[in-house]
Amino acid sequence: MPTTRAVVPTEHASRYLQQLCKHWSHKFAVTFDERDGTIEMPSAHVAMTAADDRLVITVAAEDPATLDRMEGVVADHVRRFAFREDLAFDWTRED
């Protein structure tokens, strides 16, 4: 599966991780706590880890086109929760 990863600098990583997981829990299989979260979608898997100064997001998808789309979907949702700060998502493709 194609995979992409973003390390997003923020002091509110745990809050955003939990908000995103709660937001999608009504549609997808979700597990999370204060530091780790996963979201299982039909065509993608999202894993997040919160540290004190960053949120690490890894997305795996069934094909490159879905991966491209999911980078935007995940970033847009987190940005909505983080409307008080300007988050940078620098996605890096992994083999």
N, C-alpha and C. Protein backbone atom coordinates (compact mmCIF):
# COMPACT_ATOMS: atom_id res chain seq x y z
N MET A 1 0.84 -1.19 0.00
CA MET A 1 0.00 0.00 0.00
C MET A 1 0.88 1.25 0.00
N PRO A 2 0.58 2.20 -0.86
CA PRO A 2 1.30 3.47 -0.81
C PRO A 2 1.05 4.16 0.53
N THR A 3 2.09 4.79 1.06
CA THR A 3 2.02 5.41 2.38
C THR A 3 2.63 6.81 2.34
N THR A 4 2.05 7.70 3.13
CA THR A 4 2.56 9.06 3.26
C THR A 4 2.58 9.43 4.74
N ARG A 5 3.46 10.36 5.09
CA ARG A 5 3.62 10.72 6.50
C ARG A 5 3.85 12.22 6.61
N ALA A 6 3.23 12.82 7.64
CA ALA A 6 3.43 14.24 7.92
C ALA A 6 3.74 14.41 9.41
N VAL A 7 4.72 15.23 9.70
CA VAL A 7 5.03 15.62 11.07
C VAL A 7 4.57 17.07 11.19
N VAL A 8 3.53 17.30 11.98
CA VAL A 8 2.90 18.60 12.07
C VAL A 8 3.25 19.25 13.41
N PRO A 9 4.06 20.31 13.40
CA PRO A 9 4.41 20.98 14.65
C PRO A 9 3.18 21.64 15.29
N THR A 10 2.91 21.28 16.54
CA THR A 10 1.81 21.88 17.31
C THR A 10 1.93 21.46 18.76
N GLU A 11 1.51 22.34 19.64
CA GLU A 11 1.48 22.01 21.07
C GLU A 11 0.14 21.38 21.46
N HIS A 12 -0.76 21.23 20.48
CA HIS A 12 -2.11 20.71 20.75
C HIS A 12 -2.36 19.38 20.03
N ALA A 13 -1.32 18.61 19.83
CA ALA A 13 -1.42 17.38 19.05
C ALA A 13 -2.45 16.41 19.61
N SER A 14 -2.43 16.20 20.90
CA SER A 14 -3.37 15.25 21.51
C SER A 14 -4.81 15.69 21.29
N ARG A 15 -5.07 16.97 21.45
CA ARG A 15 -6.43 17.49 21.25
C ARG A 15 -6.90 17.23 19.82
N TYR A 16 -6.05 17.52 18.83
CA TYR A 16 -6.45 17.34 17.44
C TYR A 16 -6.63 15.86 17.09
N LEU A 17 -5.75 15.02 17.61
CA LEU A 17 -5.87 13.58 17.39
C LEU A 17 -7.22 13.09 17.90
N GLN A 18 -7.57 13.46 19.11
CA GLN A 18 -8.83 13.00 19.71
C GLN A 18 -10.04 13.58 18.98
N GLN A 19 -9.97 14.84 18.57
CA GLN A 19 -11.09 15.44 17.85
C GLN A 19 -11.32 14.75 16.51
N LEU A 20 -10.24 14.47 15.79
CA LEU A 20 -10.40 13.81 14.50
C LEU A 20 -10.97 12.40 14.67
N CYS A 21 -10.46 11.67 15.65
CA CYS A 21 -10.98 10.32 15.88
C CYS A 21 -12.45 10.34 16.29
N LYS A 22 -12.82 11.24 17.18
CA LYS A 22 -14.23 11.35 17.59
C LYS A 22 -15.11 11.74 16.42
N HIS A 23 -14.60 12.67 15.60
CA HIS A 23 -15.36 13.15 14.45
C HIS A 23 -15.70 12.01 13.48
N TRP A 24 -14.72 11.14 13.23
CA TRP A 24 -14.92 10.07 12.27
C TRP A 24 -15.43 8.77 12.89
N SER A 25 -15.60 8.73 14.20
CA SER A 25 -16.01 7.49 14.85
C SER A 25 -17.44 7.06 14.49
N HIS A 26 -18.26 7.99 14.02
CA HIS A 26 -19.62 7.62 13.64
C HIS A 26 -19.69 6.99 12.25
N LYS A 27 -18.59 7.08 11.48
CA LYS A 27 -18.57 6.53 10.13
C LYS A 27 -17.60 5.36 9.95
N PHE A 28 -16.53 5.33 10.76
CA PHE A 28 -15.46 4.36 10.56
C PHE A 28 -15.07 3.70 11.87
N ALA A 29 -14.34 2.59 11.76
CA ALA A 29 -13.78 1.94 12.95
C ALA A 29 -12.62 2.78 13.45
N VAL A 30 -12.70 3.22 14.70
CA VAL A 30 -11.72 4.14 15.27
C VAL A 30 -11.28 3.63 16.64
N THR A 31 -9.99 3.73 16.92
CA THR A 31 -9.48 3.50 18.27
C THR A 31 -8.54 4.65 18.60
N PHE A 32 -8.59 5.11 19.85
CA PHE A 32 -7.69 6.21 20.23
C PHE A 32 -7.61 6.36 21.73
N ASP A 33 -6.52 6.99 22.13
CA ASP A 33 -6.34 7.48 23.49
C ASP A 33 -5.67 8.84 23.36
N GLU A 34 -5.06 9.34 24.42
CA GLU A 34 -4.46 10.67 24.35
C GLU A 34 -3.25 10.76 23.43
N ARG A 35 -2.57 9.64 23.18
CA ARG A 35 -1.32 9.67 22.41
C ARG A 35 -1.38 8.99 21.05
N ASP A 36 -2.28 8.02 20.87
CA ASP A 36 -2.32 7.26 19.61
C ASP A 36 -3.75 7.11 19.13
N GLY A 37 -3.90 7.13 17.81
CA GLY A 37 -5.21 6.93 17.23
C GLY A 37 -5.12 6.28 15.87
N THR A 38 -6.12 5.47 15.53
CA THR A 38 -6.21 4.88 14.20
C THR A 38 -7.64 5.01 13.69
N ILE A 39 -7.73 5.19 12.39
CA ILE A 39 -9.01 5.29 11.71
C ILE A 39 -8.95 4.35 10.52
N GLU A 40 -9.86 3.38 10.47
CA GLU A 40 -9.93 2.42 9.38
C GLU A 40 -11.05 2.81 8.44
N MET A 41 -10.66 3.23 7.25
CA MET A 41 -11.63 3.60 6.22
C MET A 41 -11.64 2.50 5.16
N PRO A 42 -12.65 2.46 4.31
CA PRO A 42 -12.70 1.41 3.29
C PRO A 42 -11.48 1.38 2.38
N SER A 43 -10.93 2.55 2.04
CA SER A 43 -9.81 2.57 1.10
C SER A 43 -8.52 3.16 1.68
N ALA A 44 -8.52 3.42 3.00
CA ALA A 44 -7.33 4.02 3.61
C ALA A 44 -7.29 3.72 5.11
N HIS A 45 -6.08 3.80 5.65
CA HIS A 45 -5.83 3.61 7.08
C HIS A 45 -5.06 4.84 7.55
N VAL A 46 -5.55 5.49 8.61
CA VAL A 46 -4.89 6.67 9.17
C VAL A 46 -4.40 6.31 10.57
N ALA A 47 -3.13 6.57 10.85
CA ALA A 47 -2.55 6.36 12.17
C ALA A 47 -1.94 7.67 12.63
N MET A 48 -2.17 8.01 13.90
CA MET A 48 -1.64 9.27 14.43
C MET A 48 -0.98 9.03 15.78
N THR A 49 0.09 9.78 16.02
CA THR A 49 0.77 9.76 17.31
C THR A 49 0.98 11.20 17.74
N ALA A 50 0.57 11.51 18.96
CA ALA A 50 0.71 12.86 19.50
C ALA A 50 1.91 12.91 20.44
N ALA A 51 2.76 13.88 20.24
CA ALA A 51 3.87 14.18 21.15
C ALA A 51 3.61 15.58 21.72
N ASP A 52 4.44 16.02 22.62
CA ASP A 52 4.24 17.33 23.24
C ASP A 52 4.31 18.48 22.24
N ASP A 53 5.09 18.30 21.17
CA ASP A 53 5.32 19.39 20.23
C ASP A 53 4.98 19.07 18.78
N ARG A 54 4.34 17.92 18.55
CA ARG A 54 4.02 17.56 17.16
C ARG A 54 2.96 16.45 17.09
N LEU A 55 2.30 16.42 15.95
CA LEU A 55 1.36 15.35 15.62
C LEU A 55 1.93 14.64 14.40
N VAL A 56 2.16 13.35 14.52
CA VAL A 56 2.67 12.56 13.41
C VAL A 56 1.49 11.79 12.82
N ILE A 57 1.26 11.98 11.54
CA ILE A 57 0.14 11.35 10.84
C ILE A 57 0.68 10.48 9.72
N THR A 58 0.25 9.23 9.69
CA THR A 58 0.63 8.31 8.62
C THR A 58 -0.65 7.83 7.95
N VAL A 59 -0.67 7.91 6.63
CA VAL A 59 -1.83 7.46 5.86
C VAL A 59 -1.36 6.42 4.87
N ALA A 60 -2.04 5.28 4.86
CA ALA A 60 -1.81 4.23 3.86
C ALA A 60 -3.10 4.08 3.06
N ALA A 61 -2.98 3.98 1.76
CA ALA A 61 -4.16 3.88 0.89
C ALA A 61 -3.96 2.79 -0.14
N GLU A 62 -5.05 2.38 -0.76
CA GLU A 62 -4.98 1.28 -1.71
C GLU A 62 -4.31 1.66 -3.03
N ASP A 63 -4.24 2.96 -3.35
CA ASP A 63 -3.59 3.37 -4.59
C ASP A 63 -3.12 4.82 -4.45
N PRO A 64 -2.20 5.26 -5.32
CA PRO A 64 -1.66 6.62 -5.23
C PRO A 64 -2.71 7.72 -5.33
N ALA A 65 -3.73 7.54 -6.14
CA ALA A 65 -4.76 8.57 -6.29
C ALA A 65 -5.53 8.75 -4.98
N THR A 66 -5.85 7.66 -4.32
CA THR A 66 -6.54 7.74 -3.03
C THR A 66 -5.64 8.37 -1.99
N LEU A 67 -4.36 8.05 -2.04
CA LEU A 67 -3.40 8.64 -1.10
C LEU A 67 -3.33 10.16 -1.28
N ASP A 68 -3.28 10.61 -2.52
CA ASP A 68 -3.29 12.05 -2.81
C ASP A 68 -4.52 12.71 -2.19
N ARG A 69 -5.67 12.12 -2.41
CA ARG A 69 -6.93 12.66 -1.91
C ARG A 69 -6.96 12.68 -0.38
N MET A 70 -6.49 11.60 0.24
CA MET A 70 -6.54 11.48 1.70
C MET A 70 -5.59 12.46 2.38
N GLU A 71 -4.47 12.80 1.76
CA GLU A 71 -3.60 13.84 2.33
C GLU A 71 -4.40 15.12 2.53
N GLY A 72 -5.16 15.50 1.53
CA GLY A 72 -5.97 16.71 1.63
C GLY A 72 -7.11 16.59 2.61
N VAL A 73 -7.79 15.46 2.61
CA VAL A 73 -8.93 15.25 3.50
C VAL A 73 -8.49 15.32 4.96
N VAL A 74 -7.43 14.60 5.29
CA VAL A 74 -6.95 14.60 6.68
C VAL A 74 -6.46 15.99 7.09
N ALA A 75 -5.65 16.62 6.25
CA ALA A 75 -5.14 17.95 6.57
C ALA A 75 -6.28 18.95 6.73
N ASP A 76 -7.26 18.92 5.84
CA ASP A 76 -8.39 19.86 5.94
C ASP A 76 -9.16 19.68 7.24
N HIS A 77 -9.39 18.45 7.64
CA HIS A 77 -10.12 18.20 8.88
C HIS A 77 -9.34 18.68 10.10
N VAL A 78 -8.05 18.38 10.15
CA VAL A 78 -7.25 18.82 11.30
C VAL A 78 -7.18 20.35 11.32
N ARG A 79 -7.05 20.97 10.18
CA ARG A 79 -7.00 22.44 10.13
C ARG A 79 -8.29 23.06 10.66
N ARG A 80 -9.43 22.42 10.42
CA ARG A 80 -10.69 22.94 10.96
C ARG A 80 -10.68 22.95 12.48
N PHE A 81 -10.12 21.89 13.07
CA PHE A 81 -10.04 21.83 14.53
C PHE A 81 -9.01 22.82 15.07
N ALA A 82 -8.02 23.14 14.26
CA ALA A 82 -6.91 24.00 14.68
C ALA A 82 -7.05 25.40 14.11
N PHE A 83 -8.25 25.90 14.05
CA PHE A 83 -8.46 27.18 13.38
C PHE A 83 -7.71 28.34 14.02
N ARG A 84 -7.24 28.17 15.25
CA ARG A 84 -6.50 29.24 15.93
C ARG A 84 -5.01 29.26 15.57
N GLU A 85 -4.54 28.22 14.89
CA GLU A 85 -3.13 28.20 14.50
C GLU A 85 -3.01 27.75 13.05
N ASP A 86 -1.91 28.14 12.44
CA ASP A 86 -1.67 27.82 11.04
C ASP A 86 -0.75 26.60 10.98
N LEU A 87 -1.33 25.43 10.75
CA LEU A 87 -0.55 24.19 10.75
C LEU A 87 0.07 23.92 9.38
N ALA A 88 1.27 23.37 9.40
CA ALA A 88 1.99 23.01 8.17
C ALA A 88 1.99 21.49 8.02
N PHE A 89 1.52 21.01 6.88
CA PHE A 89 1.53 19.58 6.57
C PHE A 89 2.52 19.36 5.42
N ASP A 90 3.65 18.78 5.74
CA ASP A 90 4.67 18.48 4.74
C ASP A 90 4.67 16.97 4.55
N TRP A 91 3.84 16.48 3.64
CA TRP A 91 3.68 15.05 3.43
C TRP A 91 4.90 14.48 2.73
N THR A 92 5.35 13.33 3.20
CA THR A 92 6.48 12.62 2.62
C THR A 92 6.06 11.21 2.29
N ARG A 93 6.24 10.83 1.04
CA ARG A 93 5.88 9.46 0.62
C ARG A 93 6.91 8.47 1.13
N GLU A 94 6.42 7.33 1.59
CA GLU A 94 7.28 6.27 2.08
C GLU A 94 7.12 5.04 1.21
N ASP A 95 8.16 4.23 1.15
CA ASP A 95 8.09 3.00 0.36
C ASP A 95 7.47 1.88 1.15
